[in-house]
Amino acid sequence: MEESIREEMKTAFANYDQASVWTALFRTKGLFKRLALDVAATLGAVFPESDIEAVESLVQSYYETHAI
């Protein structure tokens, strides 16, 4: 990403730093999982938890190799 774009994005989002972005990603992921499972249960459907686990594993792996 171009530095000028990165700098401009910092003004578009509050607390634009790596730690805040990772925190937001993990919180969003957790919220999505909870809501997806709740909606599936309400509709009597089975949500593919293996898909959630695959995404969680991918994100965690990326975090461990790219986070400061």
PDB file of N, CA and C in Angstrom:
ATOM      1  N   MET A   1       0.848  -1.177   0.000  1.00  0.00           N
ATOM      2  CA  MET A   1       0.000   0.000   0.000  1.00  0.00           C
ATOM      3  C   MET A   1       0.891   1.237   0.000  1.00  0.00           C
ATOM      4  N   GLU A   2       0.517   2.191  -0.799  1.00  0.00           N
ATOM      5  CA  GLU A   2       1.275   3.435  -0.847  1.00  0.00           C
ATOM      6  C   GLU A   2       1.199   4.144   0.502  1.00  0.00           C
ATOM      7  N   GLU A   3       2.301   4.742   0.902  1.00  0.00           N
ATOM      8  CA  GLU A   3       2.355   5.430   2.192  1.00  0.00           C
ATOM      9  C   GLU A   3       1.320   6.544   2.282  1.00  0.00           C
ATOM     10  N   SER A   4       1.100   7.263   1.186  1.00  0.00           N
ATOM     11  CA  SER A   4       0.123   8.358   1.220  1.00  0.00           C
ATOM     12  C   SER A   4      -1.285   7.825   1.473  1.00  0.00           C
ATOM     13  N   ILE A   5      -1.582   6.665   0.911  1.00  0.00           N
ATOM     14  CA  ILE A   5      -2.899   6.056   1.146  1.00  0.00           C
ATOM     15  C   ILE A   5      -3.007   5.623   2.603  1.00  0.00           C
ATOM     16  N   ARG A   6      -1.947   5.001   3.107  1.00  0.00           N
ATOM     17  CA  ARG A   6      -1.941   4.558   4.506  1.00  0.00           C
ATOM     18  C   ARG A   6      -2.165   5.747   5.449  1.00  0.00           C
ATOM     19  N   GLU A   7      -1.476   6.845   5.168  1.00  0.00           N
ATOM     20  CA  GLU A   7      -1.621   8.029   6.017  1.00  0.00           C
ATOM     21  C   GLU A   7      -3.036   8.601   5.939  1.00  0.00           C
ATOM     22  N   GLU A   8      -3.618   8.591   4.744  1.00  0.00           N
ATOM     23  CA  GLU A   8      -4.979   9.102   4.603  1.00  0.00           C
ATOM     24  C   GLU A   8      -5.979   8.212   5.333  1.00  0.00           C
ATOM     25  N   MET A   9      -5.753   6.911   5.284  1.00  0.00           N
ATOM     26  CA  MET A   9      -6.660   5.996   5.980  1.00  0.00           C
ATOM     27  C   MET A   9      -6.637   6.226   7.489  1.00  0.00           C
ATOM     28  N   LYS A  10      -5.492   6.636   8.000  1.00  0.00           N
ATOM     29  CA  LYS A  10      -5.389   6.899   9.436  1.00  0.00           C
ATOM     30  C   LYS A  10      -6.373   7.977   9.879  1.00  0.00           C
ATOM     31  N   THR A  11      -6.686   8.888   9.000  1.00  0.00           N
ATOM     32  CA  THR A  11      -7.627   9.942   9.368  1.00  0.00           C
ATOM     33  C   THR A  11      -9.073   9.506   9.192  1.00  0.00           C
ATOM     34  N   ALA A  12      -9.289   8.376   8.529  1.00  0.00           N
ATOM     35  CA  ALA A  12     -10.648   7.894   8.277  1.00  0.00           C
ATOM     36  C   ALA A  12     -11.153   6.970   9.385  1.00  0.00           C
ATOM     37  N   PHE A  13     -10.248   6.431  10.173  1.00  0.00           N
ATOM     38  CA  PHE A  13     -10.636   5.491  11.222  1.00  0.00           C
ATOM     39  C   PHE A  13     -10.010   5.909  12.548  1.00  0.00           C
ATOM     40  N   ALA A  14     -10.790   5.802  13.594  1.00  0.00           N
ATOM     41  CA  ALA A  14     -10.265   6.120  14.925  1.00  0.00           C
ATOM     42  C   ALA A  14      -9.257   5.060  15.339  1.00  0.00           C
ATOM     43  N   ASN A  15      -8.218   5.471  16.025  1.00  0.00           N
ATOM     44  CA  ASN A  15      -7.209   4.556  16.550  1.00  0.00           C
ATOM     45  C   ASN A  15      -6.626   3.656  15.477  1.00  0.00           C
ATOM     46  N   TYR A  16      -6.209   4.240  14.367  1.00  0.00           N
ATOM     47  CA  TYR A  16      -5.659   3.452  13.275  1.00  0.00           C
ATOM     48  C   TYR A  16      -4.220   3.069  13.589  1.00  0.00           C
ATOM     49  N   ASP A  17      -4.114   1.991  14.349  1.00  0.00           N
ATOM     50  CA  ASP A  17      -2.812   1.411  14.619  1.00  0.00           C
ATOM     51  C   ASP A  17      -2.980  -0.099  14.554  1.00  0.00           C
ATOM     52  N   GLN A  18      -1.898  -0.800  14.399  1.00  0.00           N
ATOM     53  CA  GLN A  18      -1.966  -2.239  14.160  1.00  0.00           C
ATOM     54  C   GLN A  18      -2.690  -2.988  15.281  1.00  0.00           C
ATOM     55  N   ALA A  19      -2.404  -2.656  16.510  1.00  0.00           N
ATOM     56  CA  ALA A  19      -3.035  -3.361  17.623  1.00  0.00           C
ATOM     57  C   ALA A  19      -4.552  -3.172  17.619  1.00  0.00           C
ATOM     58  N   SER A  20      -5.015  -1.956  17.356  1.00  0.00           N
ATOM     59  CA  SER A  20      -6.455  -1.686  17.320  1.00  0.00           C
ATOM     60  C   SER A  20      -7.132  -2.418  16.173  1.00  0.00           C
ATOM     61  N   VAL A  21      -6.456  -2.487  15.034  1.00  0.00           N
ATOM     62  CA  VAL A  21      -7.029  -3.182  13.879  1.00  0.00           C
ATOM     63  C   VAL A  21      -7.157  -4.678  14.167  1.00  0.00           C
ATOM     64  N   TRP A  22      -6.122  -5.269  14.747  1.00  0.00           N
ATOM     65  CA  TRP A  22      -6.203  -6.690  15.081  1.00  0.00           C
ATOM     66  C   TRP A  22      -7.294  -6.945  16.113  1.00  0.00           C
ATOM     67  N   THR A  23      -7.378  -6.091  17.124  1.00  0.00           N
ATOM     68  CA  THR A  23      -8.417  -6.244  18.138  1.00  0.00           C
ATOM     69  C   THR A  23      -9.797  -6.186  17.502  1.00  0.00           C
ATOM     70  N   ALA A  24      -9.995  -5.217  16.619  1.00  0.00           N
ATOM     71  CA  ALA A  24     -11.289  -5.087  15.942  1.00  0.00           C
ATOM     72  C   ALA A  24     -11.589  -6.310  15.091  1.00  0.00           C
ATOM     73  N   LEU A  25     -10.588  -6.818  14.396  1.00  0.00           N
ATOM     74  CA  LEU A  25     -10.798  -8.003  13.565  1.00  0.00           C
ATOM     75  C   LEU A  25     -11.216  -9.196  14.415  1.00  0.00           C
ATOM     76  N   PHE A  26     -10.512  -9.444  15.503  1.00  0.00           N
ATOM     77  CA  PHE A  26     -10.848 -10.584  16.352  1.00  0.00           C
ATOM     78  C   PHE A  26     -12.220 -10.413  17.006  1.00  0.00           C
ATOM     79  N   ARG A  27     -12.551  -9.208  17.406  1.00  0.00           N
ATOM     80  CA  ARG A  27     -13.871  -8.969  17.996  1.00  0.00           C
ATOM     81  C   ARG A  27     -14.980  -9.137  16.963  1.00  0.00           C
ATOM     82  N   THR A  28     -14.741  -8.645  15.755  1.00  0.00           N
ATOM     83  CA  THR A  28     -15.725  -8.794  14.682  1.00  0.00           C
ATOM     84  C   THR A  28     -15.920 -10.267  14.336  1.00  0.00           C
ATOM     85  N   LYS A  29     -14.825 -10.998  14.274  1.00  0.00           N
ATOM     86  CA  LYS A  29     -14.885 -12.424  13.980  1.00  0.00           C
ATOM     87  C   LYS A  29     -15.677 -13.166  15.058  1.00  0.00           C
ATOM     88  N   GLY A  30     -15.435 -12.842  16.295  1.00  0.00           N
ATOM     89  CA  GLY A  30     -16.164 -13.476  17.390  1.00  0.00           C
ATOM     90  C   GLY A  30     -17.648 -13.151  17.357  1.00  0.00           C
ATOM     91  N   LEU A  31     -17.971 -11.899  17.062  1.00  0.00           N
ATOM     92  CA  LEU A  31     -19.368 -11.484  16.962  1.00  0.00           C
ATOM     93  C   LEU A  31     -20.052 -12.197  15.807  1.00  0.00           C
ATOM     94  N   PHE A  32     -19.387 -12.280  14.665  1.00  0.00           N
ATOM     95  CA  PHE A  32     -19.967 -12.973  13.519  1.00  0.00           C
ATOM     96  C   PHE A  32     -20.265 -14.430  13.868  1.00  0.00           C
ATOM     97  N   LYS A  33     -19.313 -15.092  14.523  1.00  0.00           N
ATOM     98  CA  LYS A  33     -19.507 -16.500  14.885  1.00  0.00           C
ATOM     99  C   LYS A  33     -20.717 -16.659  15.787  1.00  0.00           C
ATOM    100  N   ARG A  34     -20.793 -15.826  16.805  1.00  0.00           N
ATOM    101  CA  ARG A  34     -21.916 -15.911  17.738  1.00  0.00           C
ATOM    102  C   ARG A  34     -23.242 -15.681  17.029  1.00  0.00           C
ATOM    103  N   LEU A  35     -23.308 -14.639  16.203  1.00  0.00           N
ATOM    104  CA  LEU A  35     -24.554 -14.323  15.507  1.00  0.00           C
ATOM    105  C   LEU A  35     -24.909 -15.385  14.474  1.00  0.00           C
ATOM    106  N   ALA A  36     -23.922 -15.887  13.763  1.00  0.00           N
ATOM    107  CA  ALA A  36     -24.177 -16.920  12.754  1.00  0.00           C
ATOM    108  C   ALA A  36     -24.748 -18.175  13.403  1.00  0.00           C
ATOM    109  N   LEU A  37     -24.176 -18.578  14.523  1.00  0.00           N
ATOM    110  CA  LEU A  37     -24.673 -19.759  15.216  1.00  0.00           C
ATOM    111  C   LEU A  37     -26.075 -19.526  15.788  1.00  0.00           C
ATOM    112  N   ASP A  38     -26.320 -18.335  16.318  1.00  0.00           N
ATOM    113  CA  ASP A  38     -27.652 -17.999  16.844  1.00  0.00           C
ATOM    114  C   ASP A  38     -28.702 -18.006  15.738  1.00  0.00           C
ATOM    115  N   VAL A  39     -28.385 -17.394  14.604  1.00  0.00           N
ATOM    116  CA  VAL A  39     -29.333 -17.349  13.486  1.00  0.00           C
ATOM    117  C   VAL A  39     -29.598 -18.752  12.962  1.00  0.00           C
ATOM    118  N   ALA A  40     -28.548 -19.542  12.802  1.00  0.00           N
ATOM    119  CA  ALA A  40     -28.724 -20.911  12.323  1.00  0.00           C
ATOM    120  C   ALA A  40     -29.620 -21.703  13.278  1.00  0.00           C
ATOM    121  N   ALA A  41     -29.390 -21.564  14.577  1.00  0.00           N
ATOM    122  CA  ALA A  41     -30.216 -22.275  15.554  1.00  0.00           C
ATOM    123  C   ALA A  41     -31.666 -21.816  15.487  1.00  0.00           C
ATOM    124  N   THR A  42     -31.881 -20.526  15.349  1.00  0.00           N
ATOM    125  CA  THR A  42     -33.236 -19.978  15.252  1.00  0.00           C
ATOM    126  C   THR A  42     -33.960 -20.518  14.024  1.00  0.00           C
ATOM    127  N   LEU A  43     -33.232 -20.677  12.936  1.00  0.00           N
ATOM    128  CA  LEU A  43     -33.830 -21.152  11.690  1.00  0.00           C
ATOM    129  C   LEU A  43     -33.859 -22.683  11.595  1.00  0.00           C
ATOM    130  N   GLY A  44     -33.311 -23.331  12.602  1.00  0.00           N
ATOM    131  CA  GLY A  44     -33.271 -24.788  12.579  1.00  0.00           C
ATOM    132  C   GLY A  44     -32.265 -25.339  11.583  1.00  0.00           C
ATOM    133  N   ALA A  45     -31.283 -24.527  11.256  1.00  0.00           N
ATOM    134  CA  ALA A  45     -30.248 -24.931  10.306  1.00  0.00           C
ATOM    135  C   ALA A  45     -28.971 -25.293  11.057  1.00  0.00           C
ATOM    136  N   VAL A  46     -28.105 -25.968  10.374  1.00  0.00           N
ATOM    137  CA  VAL A  46     -26.811 -26.312  10.949  1.00  0.00           C
ATOM    138  C   VAL A  46     -25.764 -25.434  10.283  1.00  0.00           C
ATOM    139  N   PHE A  47     -25.086 -24.632  11.074  1.00  0.00           N
ATOM    140  CA  PHE A  47     -24.037 -23.784  10.528  1.00  0.00           C
ATOM    141  C   PHE A  47     -22.756 -24.597  10.486  1.00  0.00           C
ATOM    142  N   PRO A  48     -22.053 -24.551   9.375  1.00  0.00           N
ATOM    143  CA  PRO A  48     -20.827 -25.355   9.245  1.00  0.00           C
ATOM    144  C   PRO A  48     -19.698 -24.819  10.124  1.00  0.00           C
ATOM    145  N   GLU A  49     -19.673 -25.306  11.355  1.00  0.00           N
ATOM    146  CA  GLU A  49     -18.660 -24.822  12.296  1.00  0.00           C
ATOM    147  C   GLU A  49     -17.251 -25.102  11.819  1.00  0.00           C
ATOM    148  N   SER A  50     -17.084 -26.107  10.982  1.00  0.00           N
ATOM    149  CA  SER A  50     -15.741 -26.381  10.440  1.00  0.00           C
ATOM    150  C   SER A  50     -15.264 -25.218   9.576  1.00  0.00           C
ATOM    151  N   ASP A  51     -16.190 -24.537   8.915  1.00  0.00           N
ATOM    152  CA  ASP A  51     -15.810 -23.359   8.124  1.00  0.00           C
ATOM    153  C   ASP A  51     -15.333 -22.233   9.030  1.00  0.00           C
ATOM    154  N   ILE A  52     -16.026 -22.036  10.149  1.00  0.00           N
ATOM    155  CA  ILE A  52     -15.613 -21.013  11.106  1.00  0.00           C
ATOM    156  C   ILE A  52     -14.224 -21.342  11.643  1.00  0.00           C
ATOM    157  N   GLU A  53     -14.024 -22.600  11.993  1.00  0.00           N
ATOM    158  CA  GLU A  53     -12.731 -23.016  12.526  1.00  0.00           C
ATOM    159  C   GLU A  53     -11.616 -22.809  11.510  1.00  0.00           C
ATOM    160  N   ALA A  54     -11.905 -23.052  10.233  1.00  0.00           N
ATOM    161  CA  ALA A  54     -10.901 -22.849   9.188  1.00  0.00           C
ATOM    162  C   ALA A  54     -10.531 -21.373   9.081  1.00  0.00           C
ATOM    163  N   VAL A  55     -11.528 -20.503   9.133  1.00  0.00           N
ATOM    164  CA  VAL A  55     -11.265 -19.060   9.052  1.00  0.00           C
ATOM    165  C   VAL A  55     -10.511 -18.602  10.298  1.00  0.00           C
ATOM    166  N   GLU A  56     -10.932 -19.074  11.466  1.00  0.00           N
ATOM    167  CA  GLU A  56     -10.240 -18.691  12.700  1.00  0.00           C
ATOM    168  C   GLU A  56      -8.784 -19.121  12.661  1.00  0.00           C
ATOM    169  N   SER A  57      -8.530 -20.317  12.159  1.00  0.00           N
ATOM    170  CA  SER A  57      -7.163 -20.818  12.057  1.00  0.00           C
ATOM    171  C   SER A  57      -6.339 -19.978  11.083  1.00  0.00           C
ATOM    172  N   LEU A  58      -6.932 -19.624   9.953  1.00  0.00           N
ATOM    173  CA  LEU A  58      -6.246 -18.797   8.965  1.00  0.00           C
ATOM    174  C   LEU A  58      -5.904 -17.422   9.529  1.00  0.00           C
ATOM    175  N   VAL A  59      -6.864 -16.790  10.179  1.00  0.00           N
ATOM    176  CA  VAL A  59      -6.642 -15.460  10.746  1.00  0.00           C
ATOM    177  C   VAL A  59      -5.594 -15.528  11.854  1.00  0.00           C
ATOM    178  N   GLN A  60      -5.681 -16.535  12.713  1.00  0.00           N
ATOM    179  CA  GLN A  60      -4.712 -16.681  13.805  1.00  0.00           C
ATOM    180  C   GLN A  60      -3.308 -16.893  13.248  1.00  0.00           C
ATOM    181  N   SER A  61      -3.193 -17.718  12.218  1.00  0.00           N
ATOM    182  CA  SER A  61      -1.898 -17.972  11.593  1.00  0.00           C
ATOM    183  C   SER A  61      -1.323 -16.687  11.006  1.00  0.00           C
ATOM    184  N   TYR A  62      -2.164 -15.933  10.321  1.00  0.00           N
ATOM    185  CA  TYR A  62      -1.712 -14.662   9.743  1.00  0.00           C
ATOM    186  C   TYR A  62      -1.295 -13.695  10.850  1.00  0.00           C
ATOM    187  N   TYR A  63      -2.073 -13.650  11.912  1.00  0.00           N
ATOM    188  CA  TYR A  63      -1.753 -12.770  13.042  1.00  0.00           C
ATOM    189  C   TYR A  63      -0.389 -13.123  13.628  1.00  0.00           C
ATOM    190  N   GLU A  64      -0.166 -14.416  13.827  1.00  0.00           N
ATOM    191  CA  GLU A  64       1.088 -14.863  14.450  1.00  0.00           C
ATOM    192  C   GLU A  64       2.321 -14.571  13.585  1.00  0.00           C
ATOM    193  N   THR A  65       2.131 -14.494  12.276  1.00  0.00           N
ATOM    194  CA  THR A  65       3.267 -14.239  11.405  1.00  0.00           C
ATOM    195  C   THR A  65       3.405 -12.777  10.959  1.00  0.00           C
ATOM    196  N   HIS A  66       2.356 -11.966  11.164  1.00  0.00           N
ATOM    197  CA  HIS A  66       2.398 -10.593  10.669  1.00  0.00           C
ATOM    198  C   HIS A  66       2.219  -9.502  11.726  1.00  0.00           C
ATOM    199  N   ALA A  67       1.693  -9.853  12.874  1.00  0.00           N
ATOM    200  CA  ALA A  67       1.475  -8.841  13.911  1.00  0.00           C
ATOM    201  C   ALA A  67       2.817  -8.508  14.578  1.00  0.00           C
ATOM    202  N   ILE A  68       2.893  -7.286  15.014  1.00  0.00           N
ATOM    203  CA  ILE A  68       4.115  -6.833  15.707  1.00  0.00           C
ATOM    204  C   ILE A  68       4.031  -7.220  17.163  1.00  0.00           C
TER     205      ILE A  68
END
